Amino acid sequence: MAVPDRSPESAPDDDSIQLMTREEGLRLLDRQARKYLGMSGEEFVIRYRAGEIEDPCRLDVARVAILLPLAEL
């Protein structure tokens, strides 16, 4: 999966792309799930798909849910 490169060296108008492996994507999903929801990425994927996430429309959930395609690569 390709994501924009937002490293400090890149200018805001820079169109460069950084490729991400599946493993890197899963680590990102896990890191964000832990940061915003206090659970592992794996737990989030399972609970989200089962409809067990309380208030799934809240911002913290959306920040992690948007990364779900990274778990499916």
PDB file of N, CA and C in Angstrom:
ATOM      1  N   MET A   1       0.850  -1.171   0.000  1.00  0.00           N
ATOM      2  CA  MET A   1       0.000   0.000   0.000  1.00  0.00           C
ATOM      3  C   MET A   1       0.892   1.229   0.000  1.00  0.00           C
ATOM      4  N   ALA A   2       0.512   2.233  -0.710  1.00  0.00           N
ATOM      5  CA  ALA A   2       1.280   3.468  -0.789  1.00  0.00           C
ATOM      6  C   ALA A   2       0.604   4.526   0.057  1.00  0.00           C
ATOM      7  N   VAL A   3       1.399   5.234   0.826  1.00  0.00           N
ATOM      8  CA  VAL A   3       0.893   6.340   1.629  1.00  0.00           C
ATOM      9  C   VAL A   3       1.794   7.538   1.408  1.00  0.00           C
ATOM     10  N   PRO A   4       1.253   8.744   1.530  1.00  0.00           N
ATOM     11  CA  PRO A   4       2.098   9.923   1.356  1.00  0.00           C
ATOM     12  C   PRO A   4       3.222   9.948   2.381  1.00  0.00           C
ATOM     13  N   ASP A   5       4.381  10.388   1.954  1.00  0.00           N
ATOM     14  CA  ASP A   5       5.533  10.520   2.843  1.00  0.00           C
ATOM     15  C   ASP A   5       5.413  11.835   3.588  1.00  0.00           C
ATOM     16  N   ARG A   6       5.257  11.779   4.881  1.00  0.00           N
ATOM     17  CA  ARG A   6       5.131  12.986   5.703  1.00  0.00           C
ATOM     18  C   ARG A   6       6.327  13.122   6.656  1.00  0.00           C
ATOM     19  N   SER A   7       7.480  12.685   6.181  1.00  0.00           N
ATOM     20  CA  SER A   7       8.675  12.806   7.005  1.00  0.00           C
ATOM     21  C   SER A   7       9.073  14.266   7.117  1.00  0.00           C
ATOM     22  N   PRO A   8       9.836  14.630   8.146  1.00  0.00           N
ATOM     23  CA  PRO A   8      10.240  16.034   8.328  1.00  0.00           C
ATOM     24  C   PRO A   8      10.995  16.586   7.127  1.00  0.00           C
ATOM     25  N   GLU A   9      11.654  15.723   6.363  1.00  0.00           N
ATOM     26  CA  GLU A   9      12.431  16.189   5.220  1.00  0.00           C
ATOM     27  C   GLU A   9      11.548  16.565   4.031  1.00  0.00           C
ATOM     28  N   SER A  10      10.311  16.059   3.998  1.00  0.00           N
ATOM     29  CA  SER A  10       9.452  16.340   2.847  1.00  0.00           C
ATOM     30  C   SER A  10       8.669  17.621   3.075  1.00  0.00           C
ATOM     31  N   ALA A  11       8.582  18.406   2.055  1.00  0.00           N
ATOM     32  CA  ALA A  11       7.817  19.647   2.113  1.00  0.00           C
ATOM     33  C   ALA A  11       6.333  19.313   2.057  1.00  0.00           C
ATOM     34  N   PRO A  12       5.465  20.158   2.624  1.00  0.00           N
ATOM     35  CA  PRO A  12       4.035  19.883   2.603  1.00  0.00           C
ATOM     36  C   PRO A  12       3.470  19.681   1.196  1.00  0.00           C
ATOM     37  N   ASP A  13       4.047  20.327   0.192  1.00  0.00           N
ATOM     38  CA  ASP A  13       3.560  20.201  -1.177  1.00  0.00           C
ATOM     39  C   ASP A  13       4.244  19.074  -1.933  1.00  0.00           C
ATOM     40  N   ASP A  14       5.059  18.303  -1.261  1.00  0.00           N
ATOM     41  CA  ASP A  14       5.800  17.211  -1.882  1.00  0.00           C
ATOM     42  C   ASP A  14       4.843  16.084  -2.248  1.00  0.00           C
ATOM     43  N   ASP A  15       4.939  15.569  -3.482  1.00  0.00           N
ATOM     44  CA  ASP A  15       4.050  14.505  -3.946  1.00  0.00           C
ATOM     45  C   ASP A  15       4.679  13.120  -3.831  1.00  0.00           C
ATOM     46  N   SER A  16       5.744  12.976  -3.061  1.00  0.00           N
ATOM     47  CA  SER A  16       6.410  11.686  -2.966  1.00  0.00           C
ATOM     48  C   SER A  16       5.519  10.678  -2.236  1.00  0.00           C
ATOM     49  N   ILE A  17       5.744   9.407  -2.539  1.00  0.00           N
ATOM     50  CA  ILE A  17       4.960   8.318  -1.963  1.00  0.00           C
ATOM     51  C   ILE A  17       5.908   7.346  -1.293  1.00  0.00           C
ATOM     52  N   GLN A  18       5.517   6.883  -0.124  1.00  0.00           N
ATOM     53  CA  GLN A  18       6.290   5.885   0.601  1.00  0.00           C
ATOM     54  C   GLN A  18       5.510   4.577   0.538  1.00  0.00           C
ATOM     55  N   LEU A  19       6.158   3.514   0.074  1.00  0.00           N
ATOM     56  CA  LEU A  19       5.505   2.215   0.029  1.00  0.00           C
ATOM     57  C   LEU A  19       5.530   1.576   1.402  1.00  0.00           C
ATOM     58  N   MET A  20       4.469   0.847   1.719  1.00  0.00           N
ATOM     59  CA  MET A  20       4.345   0.208   3.024  1.00  0.00           C
ATOM     60  C   MET A  20       4.078  -1.278   2.811  1.00  0.00           C
ATOM     61  N   THR A  21       4.839  -2.102   3.485  1.00  0.00           N
ATOM     62  CA  THR A  21       4.591  -3.540   3.408  1.00  0.00           C
ATOM     63  C   THR A  21       3.377  -3.890   4.261  1.00  0.00           C
ATOM     64  N   ARG A  22       2.868  -5.091   4.093  1.00  0.00           N
ATOM     65  CA  ARG A  22       1.732  -5.542   4.900  1.00  0.00           C
ATOM     66  C   ARG A  22       2.093  -5.523   6.383  1.00  0.00           C
ATOM     67  N   GLU A  23       3.293  -5.971   6.695  1.00  0.00           N
ATOM     68  CA  GLU A  23       3.727  -5.992   8.094  1.00  0.00           C
ATOM     69  C   GLU A  23       3.783  -4.581   8.673  1.00  0.00           C
ATOM     70  N   GLU A  24       4.285  -3.634   7.900  1.00  0.00           N
ATOM     71  CA  GLU A  24       4.334  -2.243   8.366  1.00  0.00           C
ATOM     72  C   GLU A  24       2.925  -1.697   8.560  1.00  0.00           C
ATOM     73  N   GLY A  25       2.013  -2.049   7.654  1.00  0.00           N
ATOM     74  CA  GLY A  25       0.631  -1.617   7.779  1.00  0.00           C
ATOM     75  C   GLY A  25      -0.025  -2.171   9.028  1.00  0.00           C
ATOM     76  N   LEU A  26       0.224  -3.447   9.306  1.00  0.00           N
ATOM     77  CA  LEU A  26      -0.335  -4.062  10.511  1.00  0.00           C
ATOM     78  C   LEU A  26       0.250  -3.431  11.772  1.00  0.00           C
ATOM     79  N   ARG A  27       1.522  -3.099  11.752  1.00  0.00           N
ATOM     80  CA  ARG A  27       2.132  -2.428  12.911  1.00  0.00           C
ATOM     81  C   ARG A  27       1.521  -1.049  13.125  1.00  0.00           C
ATOM     82  N   LEU A  28       1.266  -0.330  12.025  1.00  0.00           N
ATOM     83  CA  LEU A  28       0.637   0.984  12.135  1.00  0.00           C
ATOM     84  C   LEU A  28      -0.770   0.856  12.713  1.00  0.00           C
ATOM     85  N   LEU A  29      -1.544  -0.079  12.208  1.00  0.00           N
ATOM     86  CA  LEU A  29      -2.889  -0.319  12.722  1.00  0.00           C
ATOM     87  C   LEU A  29      -2.835  -0.658  14.215  1.00  0.00           C
ATOM     88  N   ASP A  30      -1.919  -1.522  14.602  1.00  0.00           N
ATOM     89  CA  ASP A  30      -1.779  -1.908  16.000  1.00  0.00           C
ATOM     90  C   ASP A  30      -1.396  -0.706  16.866  1.00  0.00           C
ATOM     91  N   ARG A  31      -0.448   0.067  16.402  1.00  0.00           N
ATOM     92  CA  ARG A  31       0.016   1.237  17.158  1.00  0.00           C
ATOM     93  C   ARG A  31      -1.124   2.239  17.367  1.00  0.00           C
ATOM     94  N   GLN A  32      -1.903   2.490  16.322  1.00  0.00           N
ATOM     95  CA  GLN A  32      -2.991   3.458  16.436  1.00  0.00           C
ATOM     96  C   GLN A  32      -4.136   2.922  17.299  1.00  0.00           C
ATOM     97  N   ALA A  33      -4.429   1.642  17.194  1.00  0.00           N
ATOM     98  CA  ALA A  33      -5.480   1.053  18.042  1.00  0.00           C
ATOM     99  C   ALA A  33      -5.085   1.147  19.511  1.00  0.00           C
ATOM    100  N   ARG A  34      -3.826   0.894  19.804  1.00  0.00           N
ATOM    101  CA  ARG A  34      -3.358   1.005  21.192  1.00  0.00           C
ATOM    102  C   ARG A  34      -3.412   2.450  21.670  1.00  0.00           C
ATOM    103  N   LYS A  35      -2.992   3.374  20.803  1.00  0.00           N
ATOM    104  CA  LYS A  35      -2.951   4.796  21.161  1.00  0.00           C
ATOM    105  C   LYS A  35      -4.346   5.361  21.401  1.00  0.00           C
ATOM    106  N   TYR A  36      -5.264   5.114  20.490  1.00  0.00           N
ATOM    107  CA  TYR A  36      -6.581   5.744  20.566  1.00  0.00           C
ATOM    108  C   TYR A  36      -7.630   4.934  21.322  1.00  0.00           C
ATOM    109  N   LEU A  37      -7.474   3.603  21.348  1.00  0.00           N
ATOM    110  CA  LEU A  37      -8.541   2.778  21.918  1.00  0.00           C
ATOM    111  C   LEU A  37      -8.093   1.858  23.042  1.00  0.00           C
ATOM    112  N   GLY A  38      -6.789   1.792  23.300  1.00  0.00           N
ATOM    113  CA  GLY A  38      -6.308   0.955  24.393  1.00  0.00           C
ATOM    114  C   GLY A  38      -6.451  -0.533  24.146  1.00  0.00           C
ATOM    115  N   MET A  39      -6.419  -0.939  22.877  1.00  0.00           N
ATOM    116  CA  MET A  39      -6.491  -2.367  22.541  1.00  0.00           C
ATOM    117  C   MET A  39      -5.558  -2.641  21.383  1.00  0.00           C
ATOM    118  N   SER A  40      -5.226  -3.903  21.174  1.00  0.00           N
ATOM    119  CA  SER A  40      -4.340  -4.258  20.073  1.00  0.00           C
ATOM    120  C   SER A  40      -5.065  -4.083  18.744  1.00  0.00           C
ATOM    121  N   GLY A  41      -4.300  -4.000  17.691  1.00  0.00           N
ATOM    122  CA  GLY A  41      -4.880  -3.921  16.360  1.00  0.00           C
ATOM    123  C   GLY A  41      -5.691  -5.154  16.032  1.00  0.00           C
ATOM    124  N   GLU A  42      -5.178  -6.316  16.421  1.00  0.00           N
ATOM    125  CA  GLU A  42      -5.889  -7.569  16.170  1.00  0.00           C
ATOM    126  C   GLU A  42      -7.243  -7.581  16.883  1.00  0.00           C
ATOM    127  N   GLU A  43      -7.255  -7.172  18.147  1.00  0.00           N
ATOM    128  CA  GLU A  43      -8.504  -7.124  18.898  1.00  0.00           C
ATOM    129  C   GLU A  43      -9.474  -6.139  18.250  1.00  0.00           C
ATOM    130  N   PHE A  44      -8.959  -4.998  17.811  1.00  0.00           N
ATOM    131  CA  PHE A  44      -9.820  -4.018  17.168  1.00  0.00           C
ATOM    132  C   PHE A  44     -10.473  -4.585  15.912  1.00  0.00           C
ATOM    133  N   VAL A  45      -9.689  -5.230  15.053  1.00  0.00           N
ATOM    134  CA  VAL A  45     -10.223  -5.799  13.817  1.00  0.00           C
ATOM    135  C   VAL A  45     -11.344  -6.786  14.126  1.00  0.00           C
ATOM    136  N   ILE A  46     -11.111  -7.667  15.072  1.00  0.00           N
ATOM    137  CA  ILE A  46     -12.112  -8.681  15.431  1.00  0.00           C
ATOM    138  C   ILE A  46     -13.375  -8.026  15.984  1.00  0.00           C
ATOM    139  N   ARG A  47     -13.206  -7.128  16.934  1.00  0.00           N
ATOM    140  CA  ARG A  47     -14.365  -6.491  17.570  1.00  0.00           C
ATOM    141  C   ARG A  47     -15.106  -5.565  16.617  1.00  0.00           C
ATOM    142  N   TYR A  48     -14.391  -4.857  15.768  1.00  0.00           N
ATOM    143  CA  TYR A  48     -15.025  -3.944  14.817  1.00  0.00           C
ATOM    144  C   TYR A  48     -15.880  -4.726  13.830  1.00  0.00           C
ATOM    145  N   ARG A  49     -15.317  -5.788  13.282  1.00  0.00           N
ATOM    146  CA  ARG A  49     -16.053  -6.608  12.314  1.00  0.00           C
ATOM    147  C   ARG A  49     -17.251  -7.309  12.940  1.00  0.00           C
ATOM    148  N   ALA A  50     -17.175  -7.594  14.226  1.00  0.00           N
ATOM    149  CA  ALA A  50     -18.284  -8.253  14.930  1.00  0.00           C
ATOM    150  C   ALA A  50     -19.325  -7.244  15.423  1.00  0.00           C
ATOM    151  N   GLY A  51     -19.064  -5.954  15.221  1.00  0.00           N
ATOM    152  CA  GLY A  51     -19.999  -4.929  15.676  1.00  0.00           C
ATOM    153  C   GLY A  51     -19.969  -4.716  17.172  1.00  0.00           C
ATOM    154  N   GLU A  52     -18.855  -5.018  17.803  1.00  0.00           N
ATOM    155  CA  GLU A  52     -18.740  -4.937  19.264  1.00  0.00           C
ATOM    156  C   GLU A  52     -18.048  -3.668  19.760  1.00  0.00           C
ATOM    157  N   ILE A  53     -17.796  -2.715  18.873  1.00  0.00           N
ATOM    158  CA  ILE A  53     -17.156  -1.465  19.281  1.00  0.00           C
ATOM    159  C   ILE A  53     -18.245  -0.488  19.694  1.00  0.00           C
ATOM    160  N   GLU A  54     -18.165  -0.024  20.930  1.00  0.00           N
ATOM    161  CA  GLU A  54     -19.139   0.932  21.435  1.00  0.00           C
ATOM    162  C   GLU A  54     -18.954   2.268  20.719  1.00  0.00           C
ATOM    163  N   ASP A  55     -20.041   2.836  20.262  1.00  0.00           N
ATOM    164  CA  ASP A  55     -20.049   4.126  19.559  1.00  0.00           C
ATOM    165  C   ASP A  55     -19.038   4.133  18.404  1.00  0.00           C
ATOM    166  N   PRO A  56     -19.264   3.312  17.373  1.00  0.00           N
ATOM    167  CA  PRO A  56     -18.296   3.169  16.285  1.00  0.00           C
ATOM    168  C   PRO A  56     -18.124   4.422  15.430  1.00  0.00           C
ATOM    169  N   CYS A  57     -18.963   5.424  15.609  1.00  0.00           N
ATOM    170  CA  CYS A  57     -18.846   6.647  14.811  1.00  0.00           C
ATOM    171  C   CYS A  57     -17.968   7.710  15.463  1.00  0.00           C
ATOM    172  N   ARG A  58     -17.492   7.445  16.659  1.00  0.00           N
ATOM    173  CA  ARG A  58     -16.676   8.473  17.313  1.00  0.00           C
ATOM    174  C   ARG A  58     -15.319   8.593  16.632  1.00  0.00           C
ATOM    175  N   LEU A  59     -14.699   9.750  16.786  1.00  0.00           N
ATOM    176  CA  LEU A  59     -13.470  10.081  16.078  1.00  0.00           C
ATOM    177  C   LEU A  59     -12.343   9.090  16.352  1.00  0.00           C
ATOM    178  N   ASP A  60     -12.145   8.681  17.596  1.00  0.00           N
ATOM    179  CA  ASP A  60     -11.057   7.754  17.918  1.00  0.00           C
ATOM    180  C   ASP A  60     -11.213   6.432  17.168  1.00  0.00           C
ATOM    181  N   VAL A  61     -12.432   5.959  17.034  1.00  0.00           N
ATOM    182  CA  VAL A  61     -12.680   4.710  16.305  1.00  0.00           C
ATOM    183  C   VAL A  61     -12.428   4.930  14.816  1.00  0.00           C
ATOM    184  N   ALA A  62     -12.906   6.043  14.279  1.00  0.00           N
ATOM    185  CA  ALA A  62     -12.717   6.338  12.858  1.00  0.00           C
ATOM    186  C   ALA A  62     -11.244   6.434  12.500  1.00  0.00           C
ATOM    187  N   ARG A  63     -10.442   6.994  13.397  1.00  0.00           N
ATOM    188  CA  ARG A  63      -9.001   7.119  13.142  1.00  0.00           C
ATOM    189  C   ARG A  63      -8.336   5.758  12.959  1.00  0.00           C
ATOM    190  N   VAL A  64      -8.853   4.761  13.620  1.00  0.00           N
ATOM    191  CA  VAL A  64      -8.300   3.412  13.498  1.00  0.00           C
ATOM    192  C   VAL A  64      -8.996   2.647  12.374  1.00  0.00           C
ATOM    193  N   ALA A  65     -10.299   2.800  12.268  1.00  0.00           N
ATOM    194  CA  ALA A  65     -11.062   2.067  11.252  1.00  0.00           C
ATOM    195  C   ALA A  65     -10.606   2.393   9.842  1.00  0.00           C
ATOM    196  N   ILE A  66     -10.165   3.593   9.626  1.00  0.00           N
ATOM    197  CA  ILE A  66      -9.695   3.981   8.293  1.00  0.00           C
ATOM    198  C   ILE A  66      -8.464   3.175   7.874  1.00  0.00           C
ATOM    199  N   LEU A  67      -7.800   2.582   8.834  1.00  0.00           N
ATOM    200  CA  LEU A  67      -6.614   1.767   8.553  1.00  0.00           C
ATOM    201  C   LEU A  67      -6.948   0.301   8.314  1.00  0.00           C
ATOM    202  N   LEU A  68      -8.204  -0.092   8.421  1.00  0.00           N
ATOM    203  CA  LEU A  68      -8.589  -1.496   8.257  1.00  0.00           C
ATOM    204  C   LEU A  68      -8.118  -2.116   6.931  1.00  0.00           C
ATOM    205  N   PRO A  69      -8.100  -1.403   5.822  1.00  0.00           N
ATOM    206  CA  PRO A  69      -7.583  -2.033   4.599  1.00  0.00           C
ATOM    207  C   PRO A  69      -6.149  -2.545   4.746  1.00  0.00           C
ATOM    208  N   LEU A  70      -5.402  -1.985   5.672  1.00  0.00           N
ATOM    209  CA  LEU A  70      -4.023  -2.469   5.886  1.00  0.00           C
ATOM    210  C   LEU A  70      -4.006  -3.873   6.458  1.00  0.00           C
ATOM    211  N   ALA A  71      -5.083  -4.275   7.121  1.00  0.00           N
ATOM    212  CA  ALA A  71      -5.164  -5.624   7.699  1.00  0.00           C
ATOM    213  C   ALA A  71      -5.580  -6.641   6.647  1.00  0.00           C
ATOM    214  N   GLU A  72      -6.004  -6.178   5.498  1.00  0.00           N
ATOM    215  CA  GLU A  72      -6.519  -7.072   4.465  1.00  0.00           C
ATOM    216  C   GLU A  72      -5.582  -7.233   3.277  1.00  0.00           C
ATOM    217  N   LEU A  73      -4.432  -6.624   3.309  1.00  0.00           N
ATOM    218  CA  LEU A  73      -3.494  -6.730   2.177  1.00  0.00           C
ATOM    219  C   LEU A  73      -3.011  -8.130   1.974  1.00  0.00           C
TER     220      LEU A  73
END
